[in-house]
């Protein structure tokens, strides 16, 4: 069943996907943290792949950083056909490895490829009308406004 947010997104041609929820998983026994996205293809075209670019944050609000880079953005690829109007909720396990300091994650941009070969990049500022809640989230229901 579609939420009101998804119904409205599907009637808006400027909204190619509707992201209803996303977030980090709890760390597993090795401290590995995953990420899940709940989304729907609201465009009239079938999708062939979606890349979610995500960033993790610690409880302090500090972005999770890497050893050799000031910012570590992860690129999570969904490579399954998704017909118009259909939804998916892929889970990527072990996105951040050996780090149990991660409190939440945020989708920073999205790249969509359609069945006709057209590719669309959706930057962070345009995502605000495509994401139901754009706070930093985890799948336990916690949200942070940083």
C-alpha atoms as a PDB file:
ATOM      1  CA  UNK A   1       0.000   0.000   0.000  1.00  0.00           C
ATOM      2  CA  UNK A   2       1.331   3.433  -0.923  1.00  0.00           C
ATOM      3  CA  UNK A   3       1.610   6.252   1.579  1.00  0.00           C
ATOM      4  CA  UNK A   4       0.159   9.687   0.845  1.00  0.00           C
ATOM      5  CA  UNK A   5       3.731  10.893   0.258  1.00  0.00           C
ATOM      6  CA  UNK A   6       4.242   8.229  -2.435  1.00  0.00           C
ATOM      7  CA  UNK A   7       0.900   8.974  -4.098  1.00  0.00           C
ATOM      8  CA  UNK A   8       1.733  12.680  -4.297  1.00  0.00           C
ATOM      9  CA  UNK A   9       5.243  11.910  -5.579  1.00  0.00           C
ATOM     10  CA  UNK A  10       3.857   9.700  -8.329  1.00  0.00           C
ATOM     11  CA  UNK A  11       1.701  12.551  -9.614  1.00  0.00           C
ATOM     12  CA  UNK A  12       4.663  14.970  -9.692  1.00  0.00           C
ATOM     13  CA  UNK A  13       6.824  14.643 -12.845  1.00  0.00           C
ATOM     14  CA  UNK A  14       9.742  16.315 -11.020  1.00  0.00           C
ATOM     15  CA  UNK A  15       9.958  13.410  -8.551  1.00  0.00           C
ATOM     16  CA  UNK A  16      11.476  10.321 -10.233  1.00  0.00           C
ATOM     17  CA  UNK A  17      11.720   8.336  -6.993  1.00  0.00           C
ATOM     18  CA  UNK A  18      10.139   8.593  -3.555  1.00  0.00           C
ATOM     19  CA  UNK A  19      12.292   7.573  -0.592  1.00  0.00           C
ATOM     20  CA  UNK A  20      10.013   6.785   2.337  1.00  0.00           C
ATOM     21  CA  UNK A  21      12.632   5.616   4.828  1.00  0.00           C
ATOM     22  CA  UNK A  22      16.322   4.822   5.090  1.00  0.00           C
ATOM     23  CA  UNK A  23      18.956   4.353   7.736  1.00  0.00           C
ATOM     24  CA  UNK A  24      21.883   2.516   9.210  1.00  0.00           C
ATOM     25  CA  UNK A  25      21.574  -0.898  10.835  1.00  0.00           C
ATOM     26  CA  UNK A  26      22.829  -1.725  14.290  1.00  0.00           C
ATOM     27  CA  UNK A  27      26.480  -2.855  14.315  1.00  0.00           C
ATOM     28  CA  UNK A  28      26.914  -6.617  14.052  1.00  0.00           C
ATOM     29  CA  UNK A  29      29.274  -8.582  16.327  1.00  0.00           C
ATOM     30  CA  UNK A  30      32.290  -7.299  14.340  1.00  0.00           C
ATOM     31  CA  UNK A  31      31.148  -3.667  14.414  1.00  0.00           C
ATOM     32  CA  UNK A  32      30.024  -3.696  10.779  1.00  0.00           C
ATOM     33  CA  UNK A  33      27.153  -1.326   9.987  1.00  0.00           C
ATOM     34  CA  UNK A  34      24.783  -1.706   7.045  1.00  0.00           C
ATOM     35  CA  UNK A  35      22.320   0.586   5.295  1.00  0.00           C
ATOM     36  CA  UNK A  36      18.776   0.111   3.982  1.00  0.00           C
ATOM     37  CA  UNK A  37      16.622   2.295   1.719  1.00  0.00           C
ATOM     38  CA  UNK A  38      12.862   2.017   1.199  1.00  0.00           C
ATOM     39  CA  UNK A  39      11.937   3.638  -2.099  1.00  0.00           C
ATOM     40  CA  UNK A  40       9.445   3.610  -4.963  1.00  0.00           C
ATOM     41  CA  UNK A  41       9.907   4.288  -8.672  1.00  0.00           C
ATOM     42  CA  UNK A  42       7.455   7.163  -9.195  1.00  0.00           C
ATOM     43  CA  UNK A  43       8.490   7.928 -12.771  1.00  0.00           C
ATOM     44  CA  UNK A  44       6.526   6.642 -15.775  1.00  0.00           C
ATOM     45  CA  UNK A  45       9.650   4.760 -16.954  1.00  0.00           C
ATOM     46  CA  UNK A  46      11.088   1.494 -15.679  1.00  0.00           C
ATOM     47  CA  UNK A  47      14.313   1.810 -13.692  1.00  0.00           C
ATOM     48  CA  UNK A  48      17.280  -0.481 -14.402  1.00  0.00           C
ATOM     49  CA  UNK A  49      19.559   0.704 -11.582  1.00  0.00           C
ATOM     50  CA  UNK A  50      19.793   3.212  -8.755  1.00  0.00           C
ATOM     51  CA  UNK A  51      22.930   4.349  -6.948  1.00  0.00           C
ATOM     52  CA  UNK A  52      22.414   5.810  -3.494  1.00  0.00           C
ATOM     53  CA  UNK A  53      25.310   7.955  -2.295  1.00  0.00           C
ATOM     54  CA  UNK A  54      25.272   7.898   1.500  1.00  0.00           C
ATOM     55  CA  UNK A  55      27.210   9.377   4.393  1.00  0.00           C
ATOM     56  CA  UNK A  56      27.398   8.111   7.987  1.00  0.00           C
ATOM     57  CA  UNK A  57      27.534  10.219  11.136  1.00  0.00           C
ATOM     58  CA  UNK A  58      28.636   9.643  14.710  1.00  0.00           C
ATOM     59  CA  UNK A  59      26.440  10.585  17.701  1.00  0.00           C
ATOM     60  CA  UNK A  60      28.283  13.895  17.954  1.00  0.00           C
ATOM     61  CA  UNK A  61      27.089  14.828  14.459  1.00  0.00           C
ATOM     62  CA  UNK A  62      30.579  14.467  13.022  1.00  0.00           C
ATOM     63  CA  UNK A  63      30.723  12.897   9.577  1.00  0.00           C
ATOM     64  CA  UNK A  64      32.390   9.508   9.518  1.00  0.00           C
ATOM     65  CA  UNK A  65      35.785  10.061   7.919  1.00  0.00           C
ATOM     66  CA  UNK A  66      38.359   7.775   6.386  1.00  0.00           C
ATOM     67  CA  UNK A  67      42.093   7.519   6.887  1.00  0.00           C
ATOM     68  CA  UNK A  68      43.036   8.946   3.490  1.00  0.00           C
ATOM     69  CA  UNK A  69      39.997  11.109   2.722  1.00  0.00           C
ATOM     70  CA  UNK A  70      38.320  13.908   4.653  1.00  0.00           C
ATOM     71  CA  UNK A  71      34.874  12.545   3.822  1.00  0.00           C
ATOM     72  CA  UNK A  72      33.859   8.991   3.096  1.00  0.00           C
ATOM     73  CA  UNK A  73      30.761   8.754   0.920  1.00  0.00           C
ATOM     74  CA  UNK A  74      29.602   5.237   0.127  1.00  0.00           C
ATOM     75  CA  UNK A  75      28.011   4.378  -3.208  1.00  0.00           C
ATOM     76  CA  UNK A  76      25.334   1.704  -2.811  1.00  0.00           C
ATOM     77  CA  UNK A  77      24.184   0.165  -6.074  1.00  0.00           C
ATOM     78  CA  UNK A  78      20.718  -1.326  -6.653  1.00  0.00           C
ATOM     79  CA  UNK A  79      20.881  -3.279  -9.941  1.00  0.00           C
ATOM     80  CA  UNK A  80      17.441  -4.777 -10.402  1.00  0.00           C
ATOM     81  CA  UNK A  81      14.683  -3.821 -12.798  1.00  0.00           C
ATOM     82  CA  UNK A  82      12.044  -1.750 -11.033  1.00  0.00           C
ATOM     83  CA  UNK A  83       8.874  -1.087 -13.033  1.00  0.00           C
ATOM     84  CA  UNK A  84       7.052   2.216 -12.743  1.00  0.00           C
ATOM     85  CA  UNK A  85       5.052   2.369  -9.513  1.00  0.00           C
ATOM     86  CA  UNK A  86       6.919  -0.498  -7.846  1.00  0.00           C
ATOM     87  CA  UNK A  87       8.897  -0.248  -4.628  1.00  0.00           C
ATOM     88  CA  UNK A  88      12.004  -1.896  -3.204  1.00  0.00           C
ATOM     89  CA  UNK A  89      13.885  -1.952   0.087  1.00  0.00           C
ATOM     90  CA  UNK A  90      17.428  -3.188  -0.517  1.00  0.00           C
ATOM     91  CA  UNK A  91      19.764  -3.827   2.406  1.00  0.00           C
ATOM     92  CA  UNK A  92      23.526  -3.478   2.081  1.00  0.00           C
ATOM     93  CA  UNK A  93      25.377  -5.237   4.918  1.00  0.00           C
ATOM     94  CA  UNK A  94      28.826  -4.235   6.134  1.00  0.00           C
ATOM     95  CA  UNK A  95      28.928  -0.835   4.425  1.00  0.00           C
ATOM     96  CA  UNK A  96      31.079   0.596   7.212  1.00  0.00           C
ATOM     97  CA  UNK A  97      33.371  -2.086   8.593  1.00  0.00           C
ATOM     98  CA  UNK A  98      34.662  -2.378  12.134  1.00  0.00           C
ATOM     99  CA  UNK A  99      33.103   0.865  13.290  1.00  0.00           C
ATOM    100  CA  UNK A 100      30.446   0.765  15.968  1.00  0.00           C
ATOM    101  CA  UNK A 101      30.527   4.558  16.518  1.00  0.00           C
ATOM    102  CA  UNK A 102      28.067   5.195  13.690  1.00  0.00           C
ATOM    103  CA  UNK A 103      24.725   6.544  14.903  1.00  0.00           C
ATOM    104  CA  UNK A 104      22.917   7.212  11.634  1.00  0.00           C
ATOM    105  CA  UNK A 105      23.217   7.801   7.905  1.00  0.00           C
ATOM    106  CA  UNK A 106      21.871  10.161   5.288  1.00  0.00           C
ATOM    107  CA  UNK A 107      21.313   9.876   1.530  1.00  0.00           C
ATOM    108  CA  UNK A 108      23.392  12.665  -0.029  1.00  0.00           C
ATOM    109  CA  UNK A 109      22.525  12.151  -3.711  1.00  0.00           C
ATOM    110  CA  UNK A 110      21.003   9.568  -6.039  1.00  0.00           C
ATOM    111  CA  UNK A 111      21.791   8.422  -9.582  1.00  0.00           C
ATOM    112  CA  UNK A 112      18.972   6.724 -11.517  1.00  0.00           C
ATOM    113  CA  UNK A 113      19.287   4.829 -14.817  1.00  0.00           C
ATOM    114  CA  UNK A 114      16.129   4.148 -16.812  1.00  0.00           C
ATOM    115  CA  UNK A 115      15.336   1.345 -19.246  1.00  0.00           C
ATOM    116  CA  UNK A 116      15.729   3.737 -22.195  1.00  0.00           C
ATOM    117  CA  UNK A 117      19.353   4.439 -21.133  1.00  0.00           C
ATOM    118  CA  UNK A 118      18.699   7.913 -19.718  1.00  0.00           C
ATOM    119  CA  UNK A 119      20.685   8.657 -16.557  1.00  0.00           C
ATOM    120  CA  UNK A 120      19.581  11.231 -13.993  1.00  0.00           C
ATOM    121  CA  UNK A 121      21.671  12.625 -11.130  1.00  0.00           C
ATOM    122  CA  UNK A 122      19.643  13.943  -8.204  1.00  0.00           C
ATOM    123  CA  UNK A 123      21.763  16.247  -6.000  1.00  0.00           C
ATOM    124  CA  UNK A 124      21.159  16.707  -2.291  1.00  0.00           C
ATOM    125  CA  UNK A 125      19.225  19.973  -2.631  1.00  0.00           C
ATOM    126  CA  UNK A 126      16.724  18.364  -5.037  1.00  0.00           C
ATOM    127  CA  UNK A 127      16.255  15.320  -2.788  1.00  0.00           C
ATOM    128  CA  UNK A 128      14.274  17.301  -0.218  1.00  0.00           C
ATOM    129  CA  UNK A 129      11.035  16.834  -2.184  1.00  0.00           C
ATOM    130  CA  UNK A 130      11.779  13.143  -2.817  1.00  0.00           C
ATOM    131  CA  UNK A 131      12.562  12.042   0.744  1.00  0.00           C
ATOM    132  CA  UNK A 132       9.829  11.787   3.353  1.00  0.00           C
ATOM    133  CA  UNK A 133      12.241  12.507   6.224  1.00  0.00           C
ATOM    134  CA  UNK A 134      15.662  13.912   5.321  1.00  0.00           C
ATOM    135  CA  UNK A 135      17.143  13.771   8.828  1.00  0.00           C
ATOM    136  CA  UNK A 136      20.020  11.487   9.724  1.00  0.00           C
ATOM    137  CA  UNK A 137      18.333   8.148  10.490  1.00  0.00           C
ATOM    138  CA  UNK A 138      18.938   4.641  11.712  1.00  0.00           C
ATOM    139  CA  UNK A 139      16.602   1.686  11.371  1.00  0.00           C
ATOM    140  CA  UNK A 140      15.952   1.587  15.117  1.00  0.00           C
ATOM    141  CA  UNK A 141      13.813   4.699  14.663  1.00  0.00           C
ATOM    142  CA  UNK A 142      16.284   7.277  15.959  1.00  0.00           C
ATOM    143  CA  UNK A 143      16.674  10.495  14.025  1.00  0.00           C
ATOM    144  CA  UNK A 144      19.153  13.303  14.349  1.00  0.00           C
ATOM    145  CA  UNK A 145      18.811  16.804  12.907  1.00  0.00           C
ATOM    146  CA  UNK A 146      22.449  17.361  12.010  1.00  0.00           C
END
